């Protein structure tokens, strides 16, 4: 990503701290644009939707809530740097797609390190988008079953599951293999229809019957016409918030 295209949302309920954060970002990355300065979770939520920044620099604690809750409720995976005076929030922050976690008082050198991580993350995401754009869309695939190749419509696939350097393809009444790793398979899939719910599983949401939590608090998926249950890894639970698919 071109540095002049980086758009930053900064949030802190302390106005002086907010201005200090913005001044540090402006000094360390003068080419970046600070598109929003927020002091409440409501402002953060509305500006994230309206402005779609490249990343957010968020204070963890707001009056009556935390920005961790806000980020968990997002439908998109927004890169975030969290800042706080309480280091105890660090473990929770890294379940919210945190690129870094900076403890106050914030020093210029420490924020520089965090912004460098953001640059690397944004560059990686930009490269992935370019690669995805270069991959031709497909509507059918050939899967290996024993010594046979079987043609099937991509829409009939229930889910893909990583099997070492191969990928298992699960249909309603049968399954087979692709001689590709799941990361390469995912590049051919429509992200609106196929959701990664685990490091090793990509689900076709059109065949999902329900999403619910089990007695251990884990999010589970049941499928239409199949008996197995799929587990959703916590970093991907944000995909299953209420709303329209």
Protein backbone atom coordinates (compact mmCIF):
# COMPACT_ATOMS: atom_id res chain seq x y z
CA UNK A 1 0.00 0.00 0.00
CA UNK A 2 1.24 3.48 -0.89
CA UNK A 3 2.04 5.37 2.33
CA UNK A 4 0.01 8.37 1.18
CA UNK A 5 -3.09 6.15 1.08
CA UNK A 6 -2.89 5.07 4.74
CA UNK A 7 -5.91 6.39 6.65
CA UNK A 8 -5.83 6.34 10.45
CA UNK A 9 -8.58 6.50 13.06
CA UNK A 10 -7.34 7.54 16.52
CA UNK A 11 -9.47 7.24 19.66
CA UNK A 12 -8.98 8.12 23.34
CA UNK A 13 -11.55 9.47 25.80
CA UNK A 14 -8.88 11.76 27.26
CA UNK A 15 -8.66 14.73 24.87
CA UNK A 16 -5.07 15.56 25.84
CA UNK A 17 -3.98 11.95 25.28
CA UNK A 18 -5.86 11.94 21.97
CA UNK A 19 -4.02 15.01 20.74
CA UNK A 20 -0.72 13.58 21.93
CA UNK A 21 -1.32 10.33 20.01
CA UNK A 22 -2.29 12.23 16.87
CA UNK A 23 0.79 14.45 17.10
CA UNK A 24 3.04 11.40 17.47
CA UNK A 25 1.49 9.69 14.44
CA UNK A 26 1.75 12.89 12.39
CA UNK A 27 5.42 13.29 13.29
CA UNK A 28 6.39 9.65 12.76
CA UNK A 29 4.34 9.17 9.56
CA UNK A 30 3.74 12.61 7.98
CA UNK A 31 2.41 11.02 4.76
CA UNK A 32 -0.42 9.24 6.57
CA UNK A 33 -3.85 10.86 6.97
CA UNK A 34 -5.58 11.00 10.35
CA UNK A 35 -9.17 10.81 9.14
CA UNK A 36 -10.94 10.66 12.52
CA UNK A 37 -10.27 11.67 16.14
CA UNK A 38 -12.78 10.02 18.45
CA UNK A 39 -13.48 10.30 22.17
CA UNK A 40 -16.39 7.84 22.56
CA UNK A 41 -17.11 4.26 21.42
CA UNK A 42 -20.15 5.57 19.52
CA UNK A 43 -17.93 7.93 17.52
CA UNK A 44 -15.47 5.12 16.81
CA UNK A 45 -18.21 2.81 15.57
CA UNK A 46 -19.83 5.40 13.29
CA UNK A 47 -16.52 6.65 11.86
CA UNK A 48 -15.26 3.15 11.18
CA UNK A 49 -18.38 2.54 9.10
CA UNK A 50 -18.36 5.91 7.35
CA UNK A 51 -14.65 6.34 6.66
CA UNK A 52 -13.27 2.77 6.44
CA UNK A 53 -9.78 3.64 7.73
CA UNK A 54 -6.73 1.49 6.98
CA UNK A 55 -6.26 0.84 10.70
CA UNK A 56 -7.24 2.15 14.12
CA UNK A 57 -5.18 3.33 17.07
CA UNK A 58 -7.47 2.79 20.04
CA UNK A 59 -7.27 3.42 23.75
CA UNK A 60 -8.64 0.31 25.48
CA UNK A 61 -10.68 1.91 28.24
CA UNK A 62 -13.64 4.20 27.66
CA UNK A 63 -16.23 5.28 30.19
CA UNK A 64 -18.50 2.28 30.76
CA UNK A 65 -16.94 0.03 28.11
CA UNK A 66 -13.76 -0.96 26.32
CA UNK A 67 -12.71 -0.74 22.68
CA UNK A 68 -12.05 -4.50 22.85
CA UNK A 69 -15.83 -5.06 22.88
CA UNK A 70 -16.26 -2.71 19.95
CA UNK A 71 -13.61 -4.43 17.81
CA UNK A 72 -15.04 -7.89 18.57
CA UNK A 73 -18.38 -6.73 17.13
CA UNK A 74 -16.91 -5.60 13.83
CA UNK A 75 -17.75 -7.67 10.74
CA UNK A 76 -14.40 -6.92 9.11
CA UNK A 77 -10.92 -7.68 10.39
CA UNK A 78 -9.56 -4.21 11.04
CA UNK A 79 -5.86 -3.98 11.98
CA UNK A 80 -5.65 -2.31 15.39
CA UNK A 81 -2.99 -0.95 17.72
CA UNK A 82 -4.37 -0.82 21.26
CA UNK A 83 -2.96 1.57 23.85
CA UNK A 84 -3.65 1.55 27.58
CA UNK A 85 -2.25 2.18 30.99
CA UNK A 86 -3.27 -1.34 32.09
CA UNK A 87 -0.98 -4.08 30.75
CA UNK A 88 -3.49 -6.70 32.00
CA UNK A 89 -5.58 -6.12 28.87
CA UNK A 90 -2.84 -7.44 26.58
CA UNK A 91 -4.05 -11.07 26.39
CA UNK A 92 -7.59 -10.02 25.43
CA UNK A 93 -6.29 -7.49 22.92
CA UNK A 94 -4.55 -10.13 20.85
CA UNK A 95 -7.82 -12.04 20.43
CA UNK A 96 -9.18 -8.92 18.68
CA UNK A 97 -6.86 -8.88 15.67
CA UNK A 98 -4.40 -6.60 17.49
CA UNK A 99 -1.24 -5.86 15.55
CA UNK A 100 0.39 -4.46 18.68
CA UNK A 101 -0.38 -3.42 22.26
CA UNK A 102 1.36 -0.30 23.59
CA UNK A 103 1.40 0.54 27.29
CA UNK A 104 1.19 4.15 28.44
CA UNK A 105 3.10 6.40 28.87
CA UNK A 106 3.68 6.09 25.14
CA UNK A 107 7.20 6.76 23.93
CA UNK A 108 7.99 7.78 20.39
CA UNK A 109 10.34 4.85 19.82
CA UNK A 110 7.75 2.32 21.03
CA UNK A 111 5.02 3.75 18.82
CA UNK A 112 7.44 3.75 15.87
CA UNK A 113 7.89 0.01 16.42
CA UNK A 114 4.11 -0.51 16.44
CA UNK A 115 3.60 1.59 13.30
CA UNK A 116 6.27 -0.47 11.56
CA UNK A 117 4.22 -3.59 12.29
CA UNK A 118 1.15 -1.88 10.85
CA UNK A 119 3.08 -1.04 7.67
CA UNK A 120 4.08 -4.68 7.28
CA UNK A 121 0.49 -5.82 7.88
CA UNK A 122 -0.98 -3.35 5.39
CA UNK A 123 1.62 -4.33 2.79
CA UNK A 124 0.74 -7.99 3.29
CA UNK A 125 -3.00 -7.30 2.95
CA UNK A 126 -2.39 -5.23 -0.19
CA UNK A 127 -0.38 -8.06 -1.76
CA UNK A 128 -3.10 -10.57 -0.87
CA UNK A 129 -5.74 -8.36 -2.52
CA UNK A 130 -3.63 -8.07 -5.66
CA UNK A 131 -3.11 -11.84 -5.77
CA UNK A 132 -6.83 -12.45 -5.24
CA UNK A 133 -7.68 -10.07 -8.08
CA UNK A 134 -5.31 -11.97 -10.38
CA UNK A 135 -6.93 -15.36 -9.66
CA UNK A 136 -9.65 -16.25 -12.13
CA UNK A 137 -13.04 -17.10 -10.58
CA UNK A 138 -14.20 -20.70 -10.83
CA UNK A 139 -17.64 -22.30 -10.64
CA UNK A 140 -16.64 -25.99 -10.62
CA UNK A 141 -13.75 -28.09 -9.36
CA UNK A 142 -12.30 -31.55 -9.92
CA UNK A 143 -11.66 -33.58 -6.80
CA UNK A 144 -9.77 -36.81 -6.38
CA UNK A 145 -11.57 -39.89 -4.98
CA UNK A 146 -9.35 -42.93 -4.98
CA UNK A 147 -8.18 -43.26 -8.57
CA UNK A 148 -11.07 -41.19 -9.99
CA UNK A 149 -11.55 -37.51 -10.71
CA UNK A 150 -15.02 -36.14 -9.92
CA UNK A 151 -16.39 -32.87 -11.26
CA UNK A 152 -18.58 -30.90 -8.86
CA UNK A 153 -20.05 -27.43 -8.66
CA UNK A 154 -18.26 -25.21 -6.18
CA UNK A 155 -21.63 -24.21 -4.71
CA UNK A 156 -22.22 -27.86 -3.72
CA UNK A 157 -19.15 -27.93 -1.46
CA UNK A 158 -20.08 -27.83 2.23
CA UNK A 159 -16.59 -27.03 3.50
CA UNK A 160 -12.88 -27.37 2.84
CA UNK A 161 -10.59 -28.87 5.48
CA UNK A 162 -6.78 -28.75 5.56
CA UNK A 163 -5.12 -32.16 5.23
CA UNK A 164 -1.37 -31.52 5.41
CA UNK A 165 -0.38 -30.21 1.95
CA UNK A 166 -3.76 -31.29 0.50
CA UNK A 167 -7.31 -30.06 1.06
CA UNK A 168 -10.28 -32.29 1.87
CA UNK A 169 -13.44 -31.28 0.00
CA UNK A 170 -16.68 -32.22 1.78
CA UNK A 171 -19.98 -32.44 -0.11
CA UNK A 172 -23.38 -33.55 1.20
CA UNK A 173 -22.93 -37.25 0.45
CA UNK A 174 -19.27 -37.66 -0.46
CA UNK A 175 -15.83 -36.12 -0.19
CA UNK A 176 -12.51 -36.03 -2.00
CA UNK A 177 -9.16 -34.29 -2.13
CA UNK A 178 -7.54 -31.38 -3.93
CA UNK A 179 -3.79 -31.41 -4.49
CA UNK A 180 -3.55 -27.86 -3.15
CA UNK A 181 -3.06 -26.44 0.32
CA UNK A 182 -6.08 -24.73 1.81
CA UNK A 183 -4.46 -21.31 1.55
CA UNK A 184 -4.21 -21.63 -2.23
CA UNK A 185 -7.73 -23.05 -2.48
CA UNK A 186 -9.12 -20.06 -0.58
CA UNK A 187 -7.84 -17.67 -3.26
CA UNK A 188 -10.36 -19.13 -5.72
CA UNK A 189 -13.33 -18.71 -3.37
CA UNK A 190 -15.87 -15.93 -3.01
CA UNK A 191 -15.26 -14.51 0.51
CA UNK A 192 -18.95 -13.59 0.81
CA UNK A 193 -19.90 -17.25 0.49
CA UNK A 194 -16.87 -19.09 1.88
CA UNK A 195 -15.76 -18.09 5.36
CA UNK A 196 -12.61 -19.24 7.10
CA UNK A 197 -13.83 -20.31 10.55
CA UNK A 198 -10.63 -21.98 11.70
CA UNK A 199 -7.03 -22.07 10.56
CA UNK A 200 -7.82 -25.33 8.78
CA UNK A 201 -11.50 -24.97 7.76
CA UNK A 202 -13.28 -22.83 5.15
CA UNK A 203 -17.08 -23.07 5.37
CA UNK A 204 -19.68 -22.57 2.63
CA UNK A 205 -22.22 -20.57 4.66
CA UNK A 206 -25.04 -21.51 2.27
CA UNK A 207 -25.02 -25.00 3.79
CA UNK A 208 -24.91 -23.83 7.41
CA UNK A 209 -27.95 -24.78 9.50
CA UNK A 210 -27.09 -22.95 12.73
CA UNK A 211 -24.34 -21.36 14.80
CA UNK A 212 -24.53 -21.70 18.57
CA UNK A 213 -22.39 -22.15 21.67
CA UNK A 214 -21.90 -25.49 23.37
CA UNK A 215 -21.73 -26.11 27.13
CA UNK A 216 -18.04 -25.11 27.13
CA UNK A 217 -18.76 -21.77 25.49
CA UNK A 218 -17.30 -22.74 22.12
CA UNK A 219 -19.09 -21.58 18.99
CA UNK A 220 -20.23 -24.54 16.89
CA UNK A 221 -21.69 -24.90 13.41
CA UNK A 222 -24.24 -27.49 12.31
CA UNK A 223 -24.73 -28.27 8.63
CA UNK A 224 -27.80 -29.02 6.57
CA UNK A 225 -27.84 -32.71 5.70
CA UNK A 226 -24.65 -33.68 7.55
CA UNK A 227 -24.14 -34.91 11.11
CA UNK A 228 -20.74 -33.51 12.08
CA UNK A 229 -20.24 -30.31 14.06
CA UNK A 230 -17.62 -27.73 13.11
CA UNK A 231 -15.92 -25.52 15.69
CA UNK A 232 -15.27 -21.82 15.11
CA UNK A 233 -11.92 -20.51 16.36
CA UNK A 234 -12.34 -17.44 18.54
CA UNK A 235 -10.64 -14.96 16.14
CA UNK A 236 -13.34 -15.78 13.56
CA UNK A 237 -16.40 -15.54 15.82
CA UNK A 238 -16.97 -11.93 14.72
CA UNK A 239 -18.30 -13.32 11.42
CA UNK A 240 -21.35 -14.74 13.18
CA UNK A 241 -22.82 -11.60 14.71
CA UNK A 242 -26.50 -10.90 14.11
CA UNK A 243 -27.28 -9.39 10.71
CA UNK A 244 -27.50 -10.15 7.03
CA UNK A 245 -25.05 -12.39 5.19
